[in-house]
PDB file of N, CA and C in Angstrom:
ATOM      1  N   UNK A   1     105.538  81.912  92.411  1.00  0.00           N
ATOM      2  CA  UNK A   1     104.005  82.773  92.797  1.00  0.00           C
ATOM      3  C   UNK A   1     104.425  84.001  91.877  1.00  0.00           C
ATOM      4  N   UNK A   2     103.047  84.506  91.623  1.00  0.00           N
ATOM      5  CA  UNK A   2     103.197  85.725  90.393  1.00  0.00           C
ATOM      6  C   UNK A   2     103.226  87.118  91.531  1.00  0.00           C
ATOM      7  N   UNK A   3     103.921  88.137  90.963  1.00  0.00           N
ATOM      8  CA  UNK A   3     103.969  89.083  91.847  1.00  0.00           C
ATOM      9  C   UNK A   3     102.619  89.972  92.101  1.00  0.00           C
ATOM     10  N   UNK A   4     101.379  89.752  91.516  1.00  0.00           N
ATOM     11  CA  UNK A   4     100.530  90.271  91.799  1.00  0.00           C
ATOM     12  C   UNK A   4      99.695  89.464  92.950  1.00  0.00           C
ATOM     13  N   UNK A   5      99.895  88.144  93.030  1.00  0.00           N
ATOM     14  CA  UNK A   5      99.533  87.162  94.080  1.00  0.00           C
ATOM     15  C   UNK A   5     100.013  87.370  95.507  1.00  0.00           C
ATOM     16  N   UNK A   6     100.916  87.945  95.229  1.00  0.00           N
ATOM     17  CA  UNK A   6     101.934  88.397  96.570  1.00  0.00           C
ATOM     18  C   UNK A   6     101.087  89.769  97.035  1.00  0.00           C
ATOM     19  N   UNK A   7     101.262  90.601  96.050  1.00  0.00           N
ATOM     20  CA  UNK A   7     100.742  91.969  96.428  1.00  0.00           C
ATOM     21  C   UNK A   7      99.030  91.989  97.008  1.00  0.00           C
ATOM     22  N   UNK A   8      98.631  91.137  96.445  1.00  0.00           N
ATOM     23  CA  UNK A   8      97.113  90.938  96.670  1.00  0.00           C
ATOM     24  C   UNK A   8      96.995  90.078  98.171  1.00  0.00           C
ATOM     25  N   UNK A   9      97.770  89.037  98.845  1.00  0.00           N
ATOM     26  CA  UNK A   9      97.937  88.621  99.937  1.00  0.00           C
ATOM     27  C   UNK A   9      98.257  89.926 100.741  1.00  0.00           C
ATOM     28  N   UNK A  10      99.231  90.825 100.502  1.00  0.00           N
ATOM     29  CA  UNK A  10      99.682  91.902 101.391  1.00  0.00           C
ATOM     30  C   UNK A  10      98.362  92.550 101.370  1.00  0.00           C
ATOM     31  N   UNK A  11      97.788  93.065 100.381  1.00  0.00           N
ATOM     32  CA  UNK A  11      96.273  93.957 100.507  1.00  0.00           C
ATOM     33  C   UNK A  11      95.757  93.628 101.454  1.00  0.00           C
ATOM     34  N   UNK A  12      95.089  92.118 101.355  1.00  0.00           N
ATOM     35  CA  UNK A  12      94.102  91.622 102.147  1.00  0.00           C
ATOM     36  C   UNK A  12      94.584  91.487 103.725  1.00  0.00           C
ATOM     37  N   UNK A  13      95.544  91.452 103.835  1.00  0.00           N
ATOM     38  CA  UNK A  13      96.419  91.679 105.492  1.00  0.00           C
ATOM     39  C   UNK A  13      96.293  92.786 105.847  1.00  0.00           C
ATOM     40  N   UNK A  14      96.639  93.963 104.962  1.00  0.00           N
ATOM     41  CA  UNK A  14      96.499  95.201 105.100  1.00  0.00           C
ATOM     42  C   UNK A  14      95.861  96.317 104.274  1.00  0.00           C
ATOM     43  N   UNK A  15      94.452  96.274 104.748  1.00  0.00           N
ATOM     44  CA  UNK A  15      93.483  97.148 103.951  1.00  0.00           C
ATOM     45  C   UNK A  15      93.798  98.358 103.978  1.00  0.00           C
ATOM     46  N   UNK A  16      93.614  98.885 102.540  1.00  0.00           N
ATOM     47  CA  UNK A  16      94.088 100.275 102.499  1.00  0.00           C
ATOM     48  C   UNK A  16      95.173 100.690 102.123  1.00  0.00           C
ATOM     49  N   UNK A  17      96.364  99.415 101.986  1.00  0.00           N
ATOM     50  CA  UNK A  17      97.761  99.790 102.103  1.00  0.00           C
ATOM     51  C   UNK A  17      98.049 100.199 100.646  1.00  0.00           C
ATOM     52  N   UNK A  18      99.132 100.721 100.531  1.00  0.00           N
ATOM     53  CA  UNK A  18      99.619 100.413  98.639  1.00  0.00           C
ATOM     54  C   UNK A  18     100.452  99.841  98.649  1.00  0.00           C
ATOM     55  N   UNK A  19     100.505  99.112  97.702  1.00  0.00           N
ATOM     56  CA  UNK A  19     101.397  97.799  97.362  1.00  0.00           C
ATOM     57  C   UNK A  19     102.144  97.685  96.077  1.00  0.00           C
ATOM     58  N   UNK A  20     103.278  97.535  96.146  1.00  0.00           N
ATOM     59  CA  UNK A  20     104.086  97.210  94.728  1.00  0.00           C
ATOM     60  C   UNK A  20     104.872  96.377  95.001  1.00  0.00           C
ATOM     61  N   UNK A  21     104.758  95.514  94.567  1.00  0.00           N
ATOM     62  CA  UNK A  21     106.187  93.963  94.158  1.00  0.00           C
ATOM     63  C   UNK A  21     106.245  93.619  92.938  1.00  0.00           C
ATOM     64  N   UNK A  22     107.520  93.246  93.111  1.00  0.00           N
ATOM     65  CA  UNK A  22     108.484  93.182  91.917  1.00  0.00           C
ATOM     66  C   UNK A  22     109.129  92.000  92.127  1.00  0.00           C
ATOM     67  N   UNK A  23     109.581  91.148  91.239  1.00  0.00           N
ATOM     68  CA  UNK A  23     110.223  89.738  91.464  1.00  0.00           C
ATOM     69  C   UNK A  23     110.337  88.781  90.351  1.00  0.00           C
ATOM     70  N   UNK A  24     110.909  87.559  90.738  1.00  0.00           N
ATOM     71  CA  UNK A  24     111.474  86.854  89.559  1.00  0.00           C
ATOM     72  C   UNK A  24     110.698  85.265  89.354  1.00  0.00           C
ATOM     73  N   UNK A  25     109.382  85.465  90.811  1.00  0.00           N
ATOM     74  CA  UNK A  25     108.858  84.166  90.739  1.00  0.00           C
ATOM     75  C   UNK A  25     109.443  83.541  92.029  1.00  0.00           C
ATOM     76  N   UNK A  26     110.349  83.753  92.577  1.00  0.00           N
ATOM     77  CA  UNK A  26     111.262  83.112  93.501  1.00  0.00           C
ATOM     78  C   UNK A  26     111.255  84.115  94.602  1.00  0.00           C
ATOM     79  N   UNK A  27     112.019  85.217  93.975  1.00  0.00           N
ATOM     80  CA  UNK A  27     112.539  86.118  94.996  1.00  0.00           C
ATOM     81  C   UNK A  27     111.854  87.850  94.400  1.00  0.00           C
ATOM     82  N   UNK A  28     111.245  88.217  95.750  1.00  0.00           N
ATOM     83  CA  UNK A  28     110.040  89.460  95.544  1.00  0.00           C
ATOM     84  C   UNK A  28     110.718  90.559  96.515  1.00  0.00           C
ATOM     85  N   UNK A  29     110.338  91.813  96.214  1.00  0.00           N
ATOM     86  CA  UNK A  29     110.740  93.137  96.659  1.00  0.00           C
ATOM     87  C   UNK A  29     108.990  93.598  96.909  1.00  0.00           C
ATOM     88  N   UNK A  30     108.996  93.619  98.478  1.00  0.00           N
ATOM     89  CA  UNK A  30     107.291  94.551  98.121  1.00  0.00           C
ATOM     90  C   UNK A  30     107.855  96.146  98.943  1.00  0.00           C
ATOM     91  N   UNK A  31     107.362  96.716  98.379  1.00  0.00           N
ATOM     92  CA  UNK A  31     107.366  98.430  98.698  1.00  0.00           C
ATOM     93  C   UNK A  31     105.601  98.668  99.243  1.00  0.00           C
ATOM     94  N   UNK A  32     105.665  98.597 100.586  1.00  0.00           N
ATOM     95  CA  UNK A  32     104.346  98.915 101.460  1.00  0.00           C
ATOM     96  C   UNK A  32     104.290  99.789 101.885  1.00  0.00           C
ATOM     97  N   UNK A  33     102.885 100.951 101.675  1.00  0.00           N
ATOM     98  CA  UNK A  33     102.859 102.277 102.119  1.00  0.00           C
ATOM     99  C   UNK A  33     101.569 102.286 102.988  1.00  0.00           C
ATOM    100  N   UNK A  34     101.373 102.178 103.959  1.00  0.00           N
ATOM    101  CA  UNK A  34     100.316 102.260 104.919  1.00  0.00           C
ATOM    102  C   UNK A  34     100.287 102.988 106.114  1.00  0.00           C
ATOM    103  N   UNK A  35      99.039 103.648 106.477  1.00  0.00           N
ATOM    104  CA  UNK A  35      99.296 104.371 107.898  1.00  0.00           C
ATOM    105  C   UNK A  35      99.333 103.484 108.820  1.00  0.00           C
ATOM    106  N   UNK A  36      98.881 102.268 108.904  1.00  0.00           N
ATOM    107  CA  UNK A  36      99.265 100.865 110.102  1.00  0.00           C
ATOM    108  C   UNK A  36     100.447 101.062 110.528  1.00  0.00           C
ATOM    109  N   UNK A  37     101.567 101.635 109.709  1.00  0.00           N
ATOM    110  CA  UNK A  37     102.882 101.656 110.356  1.00  0.00           C
ATOM    111  C   UNK A  37     103.544 102.684 111.176  1.00  0.00           C
ATOM    112  N   UNK A  38     102.630 103.856 111.422  1.00  0.00           N
ATOM    113  CA  UNK A  38     102.838 105.113 111.902  1.00  0.00           C
ATOM    114  C   UNK A  38     103.356 104.622 113.645  1.00  0.00           C
ATOM    115  N   UNK A  39     104.483 105.104 114.240  1.00  0.00           N
ATOM    116  CA  UNK A  39     104.737 104.637 115.329  1.00  0.00           C
ATOM    117  C   UNK A  39     105.479 103.383 115.348  1.00  0.00           C
ATOM    118  N   UNK A  40     105.485 102.911 114.614  1.00  0.00           N
ATOM    119  CA  UNK A  40     106.124 101.126 114.630  1.00  0.00           C
ATOM    120  C   UNK A  40     107.516 101.002 114.194  1.00  0.00           C
ATOM    121  N   UNK A  41     108.407 100.275 114.905  1.00  0.00           N
ATOM    122  CA  UNK A  41     109.791 100.394 114.300  1.00  0.00           C
ATOM    123  C   UNK A  41     109.907  99.459 113.170  1.00  0.00           C
ATOM    124  N   UNK A  42     110.777  99.537 112.411  1.00  0.00           N
ATOM    125  CA  UNK A  42     110.939  98.793 111.131  1.00  0.00           C
ATOM    126  C   UNK A  42     110.787  97.332 111.069  1.00  0.00           C
ATOM    127  N   UNK A  43     111.502  96.357 112.343  1.00  0.00           N
ATOM    128  CA  UNK A  43     110.828  95.104 112.686  1.00  0.00           C
ATOM    129  C   UNK A  43     109.611  95.102 112.976  1.00  0.00           C
ATOM    130  N   UNK A  44     108.813  95.680 113.614  1.00  0.00           N
ATOM    131  CA  UNK A  44     107.667  95.525 113.649  1.00  0.00           C
ATOM    132  C   UNK A  44     106.490  95.771 112.187  1.00  0.00           C
ATOM    133  N   UNK A  45     106.803  96.607 111.485  1.00  0.00           N
ATOM    134  CA  UNK A  45     106.717  97.059 110.368  1.00  0.00           C
ATOM    135  C   UNK A  45     106.514  95.547 109.358  1.00  0.00           C
ATOM    136  N   UNK A  46     107.988  95.289 109.348  1.00  0.00           N
ATOM    137  CA  UNK A  46     108.180  93.738 108.387  1.00  0.00           C
ATOM    138  C   UNK A  46     107.183  92.803 109.172  1.00  0.00           C
ATOM    139  N   UNK A  47     107.335  92.683 110.182  1.00  0.00           N
ATOM    140  CA  UNK A  47     106.506  91.361 110.655  1.00  0.00           C
ATOM    141  C   UNK A  47     105.367  91.410 110.570  1.00  0.00           C
ATOM    142  N   UNK A  48     104.359  92.657 110.460  1.00  0.00           N
ATOM    143  CA  UNK A  48     103.286  93.043 109.852  1.00  0.00           C
ATOM    144  C   UNK A  48     102.847  92.422 108.277  1.00  0.00           C
ATOM    145  N   UNK A  49     103.793  92.689 107.701  1.00  0.00           N
ATOM    146  CA  UNK A  49     103.976  92.694 106.165  1.00  0.00           C
ATOM    147  C   UNK A  49     104.075  91.117 106.307  1.00  0.00           C
ATOM    148  N   UNK A  50     104.961  90.590 106.954  1.00  0.00           N
ATOM    149  CA  UNK A  50     105.143  89.123 106.566  1.00  0.00           C
ATOM    150  C   UNK A  50     104.285  88.188 107.217  1.00  0.00           C
ATOM    151  N   UNK A  51     103.096  88.645 108.240  1.00  0.00           N
ATOM    152  CA  UNK A  51     102.120  88.185 108.554  1.00  0.00           C
ATOM    153  C   UNK A  51     101.226  87.672 107.407  1.00  0.00           C
ATOM    154  N   UNK A  52     101.201  88.682 106.683  1.00  0.00           N
ATOM    155  CA  UNK A  52     100.337  88.401 105.550  1.00  0.00           C
ATOM    156  C   UNK A  52     100.461  87.490 104.366  1.00  0.00           C
ATOM    157  N   UNK A  53     101.672  87.091 104.530  1.00  0.00           N
ATOM    158  CA  UNK A  53     102.262  85.600 103.429  1.00  0.00           C
ATOM    159  C   UNK A  53     102.871  84.799 104.701  1.00  0.00           C
ATOM    160  N   UNK A  54     102.580  84.453 105.627  1.00  0.00           N
ATOM    161  CA  UNK A  54     103.039  83.580 106.371  1.00  0.00           C
ATOM    162  C   UNK A  54     102.844  82.229 105.899  1.00  0.00           C
ATOM    163  N   UNK A  55     101.538  81.855 105.287  1.00  0.00           N
ATOM    164  CA  UNK A  55     101.449  80.801 105.317  1.00  0.00           C
ATOM    165  C   UNK A  55     102.302  79.885 103.809  1.00  0.00           C
ATOM    166  N   UNK A  56     102.118  81.087 103.164  1.00  0.00           N
ATOM    167  CA  UNK A  56     103.009  81.048 101.497  1.00  0.00           C
ATOM    168  C   UNK A  56     104.676  80.353 102.239  1.00  0.00           C
ATOM    169  N   UNK A  57     104.974  81.551 103.084  1.00  0.00           N
ATOM    170  CA  UNK A  57     106.599  81.279 103.255  1.00  0.00           C
ATOM    171  C   UNK A  57     106.552  79.795 103.734  1.00  0.00           C
ATOM    172  N   UNK A  58     105.879  79.546 104.735  1.00  0.00           N
ATOM    173  CA  UNK A  58     105.613  78.405 105.244  1.00  0.00           C
ATOM    174  C   UNK A  58     105.614  77.178 104.347  1.00  0.00           C
ATOM    175  N   UNK A  59     104.883  77.174 103.312  1.00  0.00           N
ATOM    176  CA  UNK A  59     104.904  75.856 102.507  1.00  0.00           C
ATOM    177  C   UNK A  59     105.704  76.055 101.416  1.00  0.00           C
ATOM    178  N   UNK A  60     106.835  77.030 101.421  1.00  0.00           N
ATOM    179  CA  UNK A  60     107.622  76.913 100.345  1.00  0.00           C
ATOM    180  C   UNK A  60     106.967  77.525  99.367  1.00  0.00           C
ATOM    181  N   UNK A  61     106.051  77.952  99.130  1.00  0.00           N
ATOM    182  CA  UNK A  61     105.778  78.588  97.629  1.00  0.00           C
ATOM    183  C   UNK A  61     105.955  79.970  97.709  1.00  0.00           C
ATOM    184  N   UNK A  62     106.335  80.632  98.677  1.00  0.00           N
ATOM    185  CA  UNK A  62     106.843  82.172  98.669  1.00  0.00           C
ATOM    186  C   UNK A  62     108.533  81.928  99.093  1.00  0.00           C
ATOM    187  N   UNK A  63     109.317  81.674  98.537  1.00  0.00           N
ATOM    188  CA  UNK A  63     110.582  81.698  98.802  1.00  0.00           C
ATOM    189  C   UNK A  63     111.437  82.864  99.583  1.00  0.00           C
ATOM    190  N   UNK A  64     111.444  83.926  99.102  1.00  0.00           N
ATOM    191  CA  UNK A  64     112.083  85.136 100.009  1.00  0.00           C
ATOM    192  C   UNK A  64     111.363  86.794  99.545  1.00  0.00           C
ATOM    193  N   UNK A  65     111.185  87.322 100.642  1.00  0.00           N
ATOM    194  CA  UNK A  65     110.575  88.735 100.157  1.00  0.00           C
ATOM    195  C   UNK A  65     111.248  89.668 100.879  1.00  0.00           C
ATOM    196  N   UNK A  66     111.776  90.757 100.291  1.00  0.00           N
ATOM    197  CA  UNK A  66     112.197  91.907 100.637  1.00  0.00           C
ATOM    198  C   UNK A  66     111.131  92.710 101.116  1.00  0.00           C
ATOM    199  N   UNK A  67     111.316  93.583 102.202  1.00  0.00           N
ATOM    200  CA  UNK A  67     109.997  94.420 102.451  1.00  0.00           C
ATOM    201  C   UNK A  67     110.795  95.884 102.766  1.00  0.00           C
ATOM    202  N   UNK A  68     110.052  96.969 101.866  1.00  0.00           N
ATOM    203  CA  UNK A  68     110.450  98.274 102.271  1.00  0.00           C
ATOM    204  C   UNK A  68     108.931  98.792 103.164  1.00  0.00           C
ATOM    205  N   UNK A  69     108.690  98.761 104.204  1.00  0.00           N
ATOM    206  CA  UNK A  69     107.145  99.349 104.777  1.00  0.00           C
ATOM    207  C   UNK A  69     107.423 100.723 105.262  1.00  0.00           C
ATOM    208  N   UNK A  70     106.776 101.817 104.860  1.00  0.00           N
ATOM    209  CA  UNK A  70     107.000 103.108 104.961  1.00  0.00           C
ATOM    210  C   UNK A  70     105.521 103.618 105.376  1.00  0.00           C
ATOM    211  N   UNK A  71     105.715 104.895 105.765  1.00  0.00           N
ATOM    212  CA  UNK A  71     104.186 105.446 106.332  1.00  0.00           C
ATOM    213  C   UNK A  71     104.117 106.126 104.902  1.00  0.00           C
ATOM    214  N   UNK A  72     102.542 106.884 104.819  1.00  0.00           N
ATOM    215  CA  UNK A  72     102.708 107.565 103.385  1.00  0.00           C
ATOM    216  C   UNK A  72     103.699 109.042 103.670  1.00  0.00           C
ATOM    217  N   UNK A  73     103.941 109.697 104.855  1.00  0.00           N
ATOM    218  CA  UNK A  73     104.786 110.446 104.761  1.00  0.00           C
ATOM    219  C   UNK A  73     106.086 110.325 104.480  1.00  0.00           C
ATOM    220  N   UNK A  74     106.672 109.052 104.835  1.00  0.00           N
ATOM    221  CA  UNK A  74     107.992 108.723 104.364  1.00  0.00           C
ATOM    222  C   UNK A  74     108.045 108.310 102.711  1.00  0.00           C
ATOM    223  N   UNK A  75     106.827 107.865 102.253  1.00  0.00           N
ATOM    224  CA  UNK A  75     106.529 107.604 100.945  1.00  0.00           C
ATOM    225  C   UNK A  75     106.838 108.777 100.233  1.00  0.00           C
ATOM    226  N   UNK A  76     106.027 109.919 100.710  1.00  0.00           N
ATOM    227  CA  UNK A  76     106.219 111.270  99.865  1.00  0.00           C
ATOM    228  C   UNK A  76     107.419 111.958  99.927  1.00  0.00           C
ATOM    229  N   UNK A  77     108.112 111.609 101.039  1.00  0.00           N
ATOM    230  CA  UNK A  77     109.715 112.041 101.324  1.00  0.00           C
ATOM    231  C   UNK A  77     110.697 111.382 100.451  1.00  0.00           C
ATOM    232  N   UNK A  78     110.156 110.433  99.874  1.00  0.00           N
ATOM    233  CA  UNK A  78     111.451 109.462  98.881  1.00  0.00           C
ATOM    234  C   UNK A  78     111.263 110.190  97.557  1.00  0.00           C
ATOM    235  N   UNK A  79     110.265 110.735  97.264  1.00  0.00           N
ATOM    236  CA  UNK A  79     109.665 111.853  96.157  1.00  0.00           C
ATOM    237  C   UNK A  79     110.169 111.264  94.897  1.00  0.00           C
TER     238      UNK A  79
END
């Protein structure tokens, strides 16, 4: 899978999210910034993101995805 394809899946599942994906075709890292994460635990945030690529993970098309899920305020603090 291409990094942009992964990013598009996440954007489709989390409208309005800022998504950056890096990777080598098998292992990917996604930084996802969304208001939808406000008040959610890290686990719930990751589950929201993973749900957007569930089919690709189940089929083996997407092998590994590391997720950093942040609110806009948390992203701004990363500076």
